[in-house]
Amino acid sequence: MVKEFIFHGKSVQEVTKMSIEEFAKLVPARERRKIKRGFTEVEKKLLEDIRSNPKDIKTHARDMIVIPEMIGKTIKVHNGKEWTMVIIEAELLGHRLGEFAQTRRQVKHSAPGIGATRSSASLSVR
């Protein structure tokens, strides 16, 4: 039996039927304040794109809060170099889009180059 996801005591169906003001009462204070103050022009354009339902939604609005009307959509979020595909699920509600498009990668070092150590300084380049 699959456990149903509950968001602050509400099922996903109940949350999707809520208005944005009702949803704001369920999220933490920082997100509630952002919703109360209103979205920026870039975030409003993103919401219009989501409502018109195009296939390819791309955005630079990393600070946009995931709201219930985004559930089930796929959004490409820019991480500074490339577009990272984010599939919006119920578990992401209340989080920011930028949390799912990492801007930094893990550093993977290889062997040191020629001249990096005293013993390799005298090696021939050929």
Protein backbone atom coordinates (compact mmCIF):
# COMPACT_ATOMS: atom_id res chain seq x y z
CA MET A 1 0.00 0.00 0.00
CA VAL A 2 1.41 3.36 -1.05
CA LYS A 3 1.49 6.04 1.60
CA GLU A 4 -0.29 9.23 0.54
CA PHE A 5 1.69 12.48 0.73
CA ILE A 6 0.32 14.96 3.28
CA PHE A 7 1.36 18.64 3.22
CA HIS A 8 0.84 20.18 6.68
CA GLY A 9 -2.23 18.04 7.34
CA LYS A 10 -3.77 18.48 3.87
CA SER A 11 -3.87 15.98 1.02
CA VAL A 12 -2.53 16.92 -2.41
CA GLN A 13 -6.07 17.28 -3.78
CA GLU A 14 -7.01 19.68 -0.98
CA VAL A 15 -3.85 21.73 -1.51
CA THR A 16 -4.38 22.05 -5.28
CA LYS A 17 -7.90 23.42 -4.70
CA MET A 18 -6.62 26.13 -2.33
CA SER A 19 -6.09 29.74 -3.31
CA ILE A 20 -2.58 31.16 -3.11
CA GLU A 21 -3.50 33.05 0.09
CA GLU A 22 -4.72 29.86 1.79
CA PHE A 23 -1.56 28.05 0.68
CA ALA A 24 0.56 30.87 2.11
CA LYS A 25 -0.81 30.10 5.58
CA LEU A 26 0.65 26.58 5.39
CA VAL A 27 4.23 27.44 4.37
CA PRO A 28 7.03 28.74 6.65
CA ALA A 29 7.36 32.44 7.45
CA ARG A 30 9.95 33.34 4.78
CA GLU A 31 7.87 31.87 1.96
CA ARG A 32 4.65 33.29 3.44
CA ARG A 33 6.20 36.78 3.44
CA LYS A 34 7.31 36.44 -0.18
CA ILE A 35 3.83 35.35 -1.31
CA LYS A 36 2.19 38.14 0.70
CA ARG A 37 4.43 40.82 -0.86
CA GLY A 38 3.66 39.55 -4.37
CA PHE A 39 5.64 37.95 -7.13
CA THR A 40 8.16 39.78 -9.33
CA GLU A 41 7.54 40.37 -13.04
CA VAL A 42 9.74 37.39 -13.99
CA GLU A 43 7.84 35.14 -11.59
CA LYS A 44 4.48 36.38 -12.93
CA LYS A 45 5.62 35.57 -16.47
CA LEU A 46 6.64 32.08 -15.32
CA LEU A 47 3.15 31.54 -13.86
CA GLU A 48 1.57 32.70 -17.13
CA ASP A 49 3.76 30.22 -19.04
CA ILE A 50 2.72 27.43 -16.67
CA ARG A 51 -0.97 28.29 -17.03
CA SER A 52 -0.77 28.40 -20.84
CA ASN A 53 0.85 24.93 -20.62
CA PRO A 54 3.63 24.99 -23.21
CA LYS A 55 5.92 22.01 -23.56
CA ASP A 56 9.20 23.82 -22.93
CA ILE A 57 9.14 26.06 -19.84
CA LYS A 58 12.49 27.69 -19.09
CA THR A 59 13.19 30.18 -16.34
CA HIS A 60 15.93 32.10 -14.57
CA ALA A 61 13.63 32.68 -11.57
CA ARG A 62 15.49 30.45 -9.12
CA ASP A 63 13.83 32.13 -6.12
CA MET A 64 10.30 31.24 -7.25
CA ILE A 65 8.39 29.23 -4.64
CA VAL A 66 6.84 25.97 -5.79
CA ILE A 67 3.07 26.47 -5.51
CA PRO A 68 0.27 23.91 -5.98
CA GLU A 69 -0.60 24.87 -9.57
CA MET A 70 2.92 23.83 -10.64
CA ILE A 71 2.45 20.18 -9.60
CA GLY A 72 2.93 17.82 -12.52
CA LYS A 73 4.82 20.33 -14.69
CA THR A 74 8.41 20.06 -15.90
CA ILE A 75 10.41 23.28 -15.65
CA LYS A 76 13.95 23.91 -16.84
CA VAL A 77 15.81 26.07 -14.32
CA HIS A 78 19.05 27.82 -15.28
CA ASN A 79 21.97 27.12 -12.95
CA GLY A 80 24.35 29.66 -14.49
CA LYS A 81 25.71 27.36 -17.17
CA GLU A 82 22.98 25.06 -18.39
CA TRP A 83 19.29 24.25 -17.96
CA THR A 84 18.46 21.69 -15.26
CA MET A 85 15.17 19.86 -15.68
CA VAL A 86 13.02 19.90 -12.53
CA ILE A 87 9.91 17.73 -12.38
CA ILE A 88 7.54 19.38 -9.91
CA GLU A 89 6.02 16.88 -7.47
CA ALA A 90 3.95 17.38 -4.33
CA GLU A 91 7.02 16.89 -2.12
CA LEU A 92 8.57 20.08 -3.54
CA LEU A 93 5.75 22.39 -2.34
CA GLY A 94 7.02 25.42 -0.44
CA HIS A 95 10.60 25.04 -1.65
CA ARG A 96 12.41 27.32 -4.12
CA LEU A 97 13.20 26.22 -7.68
CA GLY A 98 16.90 27.04 -7.21
CA GLU A 99 17.22 24.34 -4.58
CA PHE A 100 16.88 21.70 -7.27
CA ALA A 101 19.28 23.22 -9.84
CA GLN A 102 22.68 23.14 -8.15
CA THR A 103 25.10 25.89 -9.21
CA ARG A 104 28.26 24.21 -7.95
CA ARG A 105 29.63 20.81 -8.80
CA GLN A 106 31.73 18.45 -6.76
CA VAL A 107 35.44 19.07 -7.30
CA LYS A 108 37.20 16.06 -8.81
CA HIS A 109 40.95 16.37 -8.81
CA SER A 110 43.16 14.37 -11.13
CA ALA A 111 46.92 13.82 -11.07
CA PRO A 112 49.12 16.91 -10.57
CA GLY A 113 50.50 18.52 -13.72
CA ILE A 114 54.11 18.92 -14.83
CA GLY A 115 55.93 21.34 -12.56
CA ALA A 116 53.43 20.96 -9.73
CA THR A 117 55.97 19.22 -7.51
CA ARG A 118 59.75 19.48 -7.19
CA SER A 119 60.28 16.01 -8.64
CA SER A 120 58.18 16.71 -11.73
CA ALA A 121 59.86 20.05 -12.47
CA SER A 122 62.86 18.38 -14.07
CA LEU A 123 60.84 16.03 -16.32
CA SER A 124 60.92 16.43 -20.05
CA VAL A 125 57.74 17.80 -21.59
CA ARG A 126 58.03 15.43 -24.56
